[in-house]
């Protein structure tokens, strides 16, 4: 099935889904596609996709938002894919530019989320030292080859040459970086990392505590113009 995150128009996405199914089954029709997606009107999806549904002189280019959930179930969307698909539908039928911009920005957020690399349970060593993630972040803004002492000195607090070298070796072993043709290390996938659902909570807790301790030391020891610290107090209900 087509990847919904590669589309910014739900009609084009549905059209691509139909195309891929038809490639596997040449006898598959729009009538069958409409039925699969839960519509009794045999030609409804065809007309929706081709923007030619008419009622009198007025073009009706709307897919009911309350049908998105059914369509997502039929297309076996993940929760994130289902929400993104519904957002595309809402954006297409926005009543004004402000509303359309809102849904567009929301869709960009989903795209950025999907471009994150999920860390697996077997990669939990990444969180064992705070400077592993720091070196990972440093790689794309500071060229690292074998200049481990220089790289280590750029962190606050600075780390030793041996620690910087070990960081590079671990990141390479975990498949997060590799030595490029230019002789420098680069990320193998996405620059953003996210903890996978199978990562032990204890590992995540220890990492959060360590990062918080470092932030505390930064506030105490570093002058304001060299750091950025903000705080926010929110009141939310238990249900939220």
Protein backbone atom coordinates (compact mmCIF):
# COMPACT_ATOMS: atom_id res chain seq x y z
CA UNK A 1 0.00 0.00 0.00
CA UNK A 2 1.12 3.58 -0.62
CA UNK A 3 2.82 5.52 2.15
CA UNK A 4 0.32 8.21 3.24
CA UNK A 5 3.12 10.40 4.64
CA UNK A 6 4.45 10.90 1.11
CA UNK A 7 1.27 12.76 0.06
CA UNK A 8 -0.13 16.20 0.75
CA UNK A 9 -3.45 15.54 -1.02
CA UNK A 10 -5.69 12.71 0.17
CA UNK A 11 -7.18 12.23 -3.31
CA UNK A 12 -3.79 11.51 -4.82
CA UNK A 13 -3.09 9.13 -1.95
CA UNK A 14 -6.32 7.18 -2.51
CA UNK A 15 -5.64 7.15 -6.25
CA UNK A 16 -2.18 5.65 -5.61
CA UNK A 17 -3.66 3.05 -3.23
CA UNK A 18 -6.12 2.01 -5.95
CA UNK A 19 -3.31 1.86 -8.51
CA UNK A 20 -1.18 -0.42 -6.34
CA UNK A 21 -4.08 -2.78 -5.61
CA UNK A 22 -4.95 -2.93 -9.31
CA UNK A 23 -1.35 -3.79 -10.16
CA UNK A 24 -1.73 -6.90 -8.02
CA UNK A 25 -5.27 -7.58 -9.18
CA UNK A 26 -6.03 -6.29 -12.72
CA UNK A 27 -9.75 -7.00 -12.20
CA UNK A 28 -9.99 -4.68 -9.21
CA UNK A 29 -12.39 -1.78 -9.87
CA UNK A 30 -13.35 1.54 -8.33
CA UNK A 31 -16.63 -0.11 -7.43
CA UNK A 32 -14.75 -2.73 -5.40
CA UNK A 33 -12.54 -0.02 -3.92
CA UNK A 34 -15.59 1.98 -2.77
CA UNK A 35 -17.05 -1.13 -1.19
CA UNK A 36 -13.77 -1.95 0.58
CA UNK A 37 -13.65 1.56 2.03
CA UNK A 38 -17.21 1.24 3.33
CA UNK A 39 -19.23 3.22 0.77
CA UNK A 40 -22.49 1.90 -0.64
CA UNK A 41 -22.38 4.33 -3.55
CA UNK A 42 -20.38 2.37 -6.11
CA UNK A 43 -18.83 5.37 -7.86
CA UNK A 44 -18.39 7.69 -4.90
CA UNK A 45 -14.65 7.15 -4.41
CA UNK A 46 -14.03 7.48 -8.14
CA UNK A 47 -15.79 10.84 -8.18
CA UNK A 48 -14.06 11.98 -4.98
CA UNK A 49 -10.64 11.12 -6.38
CA UNK A 50 -11.33 12.83 -9.67
CA UNK A 51 -13.00 15.87 -8.09
CA UNK A 52 -16.08 15.60 -10.26
CA UNK A 53 -18.88 14.91 -7.80
CA UNK A 54 -21.59 17.43 -8.59
CA UNK A 55 -24.90 18.46 -7.08
CA UNK A 56 -26.61 20.87 -9.42
CA UNK A 57 -24.09 23.52 -10.36
CA UNK A 58 -22.09 23.23 -7.18
CA UNK A 59 -19.00 21.02 -7.06
CA UNK A 60 -18.92 18.86 -3.95
CA UNK A 61 -15.30 17.95 -3.33
CA UNK A 62 -15.72 16.59 0.16
CA UNK A 63 -15.01 13.30 1.79
CA UNK A 64 -16.98 13.20 5.07
CA UNK A 65 -14.56 13.51 7.98
CA UNK A 66 -16.57 11.00 9.96
CA UNK A 67 -15.71 8.36 7.34
CA UNK A 68 -11.97 8.77 7.71
CA UNK A 69 -11.78 6.29 10.58
CA UNK A 70 -13.49 3.60 8.50
CA UNK A 71 -11.22 4.26 5.55
CA UNK A 72 -8.13 4.08 7.74
CA UNK A 73 -9.30 0.76 9.18
CA UNK A 74 -9.81 -0.60 5.67
CA UNK A 75 -6.35 0.58 4.60
CA UNK A 76 -4.83 -0.74 7.84
CA UNK A 77 -3.38 2.57 8.92
CA UNK A 78 -1.39 2.90 12.11
CA UNK A 79 -2.79 5.48 14.59
CA UNK A 80 -0.33 8.08 13.30
CA UNK A 81 -1.20 7.32 9.66
CA UNK A 82 -4.92 7.53 10.44
CA UNK A 83 -4.54 10.91 12.11
CA UNK A 84 -2.39 12.21 9.26
CA UNK A 85 -4.93 11.02 6.67
CA UNK A 86 -7.79 12.73 8.50
CA UNK A 87 -5.69 15.89 8.68
CA UNK A 88 -5.22 15.79 4.88
CA UNK A 89 -8.96 15.51 4.39
CA UNK A 90 -9.61 18.41 6.78
CA UNK A 91 -6.99 20.52 5.01
CA UNK A 92 -8.56 19.86 1.60
CA UNK A 93 -11.94 21.14 2.73
CA UNK A 94 -10.74 24.02 4.92
CA UNK A 95 -13.14 26.97 4.81
CA UNK A 96 -10.47 29.64 4.64
CA UNK A 97 -6.73 30.19 4.28
CA UNK A 98 -6.17 30.43 8.04
CA UNK A 99 -7.78 27.05 8.62
CA UNK A 100 -5.87 25.53 5.72
CA UNK A 101 -2.58 26.86 7.09
CA UNK A 102 -3.39 25.34 10.48
CA UNK A 103 -3.86 21.86 9.00
CA UNK A 104 -0.82 22.30 6.77
CA UNK A 105 1.42 23.05 9.74
CA UNK A 106 -0.08 20.11 11.59
CA UNK A 107 0.73 17.81 8.66
CA UNK A 108 4.34 19.06 8.63
CA UNK A 109 4.61 18.03 12.27
CA UNK A 110 3.56 14.49 11.38
CA UNK A 111 6.15 14.40 8.59
CA UNK A 112 8.92 15.46 10.97
CA UNK A 113 7.83 12.80 13.44
CA UNK A 114 7.97 10.04 10.84
CA UNK A 115 11.49 11.06 9.89
CA UNK A 116 12.75 10.16 13.33
CA UNK A 117 14.90 7.08 13.85
CA UNK A 118 13.45 4.85 16.57
CA UNK A 119 15.99 3.42 18.99
CA UNK A 120 15.44 -0.27 19.73
CA UNK A 121 15.89 -2.09 23.02
CA UNK A 122 19.20 -3.55 21.81
CA UNK A 123 20.47 0.01 21.31
CA UNK A 124 19.86 1.07 24.93
CA UNK A 125 23.61 1.50 25.48
CA UNK A 126 23.18 4.80 23.65
CA UNK A 127 21.64 6.20 26.86
CA UNK A 128 24.29 4.86 29.23
CA UNK A 129 26.49 7.98 28.86
CA UNK A 130 25.20 11.51 28.29
CA UNK A 131 27.99 12.34 25.89
CA UNK A 132 27.02 9.60 23.40
CA UNK A 133 23.98 11.64 22.38
CA UNK A 134 26.02 14.86 22.53
CA UNK A 135 28.62 13.50 20.08
CA UNK A 136 25.81 12.20 17.86
CA UNK A 137 24.37 15.73 17.70
CA UNK A 138 27.80 17.27 17.16
CA UNK A 139 28.63 15.19 14.09
CA UNK A 140 26.65 17.17 11.51
CA UNK A 141 27.82 20.60 12.70
CA UNK A 142 31.45 19.72 13.43
CA UNK A 143 33.40 17.42 11.08
CA UNK A 144 34.73 14.41 13.01
CA UNK A 145 37.32 12.07 11.57
CA UNK A 146 40.06 11.14 14.02
CA UNK A 147 40.12 14.50 15.82
CA UNK A 148 38.63 13.04 19.00
CA UNK A 149 40.42 15.41 21.38
CA UNK A 150 39.03 18.44 19.57
CA UNK A 151 35.53 16.97 19.48
CA UNK A 152 35.59 16.13 23.17
CA UNK A 153 36.72 19.64 24.07
CA UNK A 154 33.70 21.14 22.32
CA UNK A 155 31.25 19.63 24.80
CA UNK A 156 30.24 21.21 28.09
CA UNK A 157 31.48 19.75 30.31
CA UNK A 158 34.35 18.56 28.08
CA UNK A 159 35.12 14.86 27.78
CA UNK A 160 38.44 13.09 27.28
CA UNK A 161 39.91 11.97 23.98
CA UNK A 162 39.27 8.35 24.96
CA UNK A 163 35.62 9.09 25.77
CA UNK A 164 35.09 10.88 22.46
CA UNK A 165 36.68 8.00 20.56
CA UNK A 166 34.56 5.46 22.46
CA UNK A 167 31.45 7.49 21.60
CA UNK A 168 32.22 7.32 17.89
CA UNK A 169 32.93 3.58 18.11
CA UNK A 170 29.65 2.94 19.94
CA UNK A 171 27.55 5.05 17.55
CA UNK A 172 29.11 3.24 14.61
CA UNK A 173 28.53 -0.16 16.23
CA UNK A 174 24.87 0.70 16.87
CA UNK A 175 24.47 1.61 13.22
CA UNK A 176 23.71 5.27 13.89
CA UNK A 177 26.75 6.70 12.08
CA UNK A 178 29.22 5.58 9.45
CA UNK A 179 32.44 6.82 7.89
CA UNK A 180 31.62 8.60 4.65
CA UNK A 181 33.56 8.69 1.40
CA UNK A 182 34.83 12.11 2.42
CA UNK A 183 36.59 10.56 5.41
CA UNK A 184 34.23 12.05 8.00
CA UNK A 185 31.47 10.46 10.06
CA UNK A 186 27.82 11.03 9.12
CA UNK A 187 24.43 9.89 10.35
CA UNK A 188 23.27 6.69 8.65
CA UNK A 189 19.55 7.51 8.86
CA UNK A 190 17.74 10.46 10.36
CA UNK A 191 19.33 13.12 12.52
CA UNK A 192 16.44 12.90 15.00
CA UNK A 193 16.30 9.95 17.36
CA UNK A 194 13.29 8.77 19.31
CA UNK A 195 12.98 6.07 21.96
CA UNK A 196 11.15 2.98 20.74
CA UNK A 197 8.25 1.51 22.72
CA UNK A 198 10.32 -1.53 23.75
CA UNK A 199 13.03 0.56 25.44
CA UNK A 200 13.07 -0.28 29.21
CA UNK A 201 11.59 2.52 31.33
CA UNK A 202 14.51 2.31 33.74
CA UNK A 203 16.91 3.18 30.94
CA UNK A 204 14.82 6.19 29.93
CA UNK A 205 14.46 7.39 33.52
CA UNK A 206 18.21 7.29 34.17
CA UNK A 207 18.87 9.23 30.97
CA UNK A 208 16.29 11.90 31.83
CA UNK A 209 17.74 12.29 35.32
CA UNK A 210 21.28 12.68 33.94
CA UNK A 211 20.18 15.25 31.34
CA UNK A 212 18.31 17.17 34.03
CA UNK A 213 21.42 17.21 36.25
CA UNK A 214 23.48 18.59 33.38
CA UNK A 215 20.86 21.28 32.72
CA UNK A 216 20.94 22.25 36.38
CA UNK A 217 24.73 22.60 36.32
CA UNK A 218 24.49 24.67 33.14
CA UNK A 219 22.07 27.12 34.77
CA UNK A 220 24.33 27.46 37.79
CA UNK A 221 27.72 27.60 36.05
CA UNK A 222 27.16 29.07 32.59
CA UNK A 223 26.48 32.77 31.89
CA UNK A 224 22.97 33.47 30.47
CA UNK A 225 24.20 34.52 27.04
CA UNK A 226 25.74 31.06 26.47
CA UNK A 227 22.63 29.00 27.26
CA UNK A 228 18.89 29.02 26.74
CA UNK A 229 16.51 28.14 29.58
CA UNK A 230 12.75 28.64 29.70
CA UNK A 231 10.00 27.34 31.97
CA UNK A 232 6.24 27.02 31.64
CA UNK A 233 3.50 26.18 34.11
CA UNK A 234 0.38 24.49 32.72
CA UNK A 235 -2.90 23.62 34.38
CA UNK A 236 -4.46 20.49 32.92
CA UNK A 237 -7.26 18.16 33.97
CA UNK A 238 -6.67 14.59 35.07
CA UNK A 239 -8.38 13.37 31.95
CA UNK A 240 -5.90 15.23 29.77
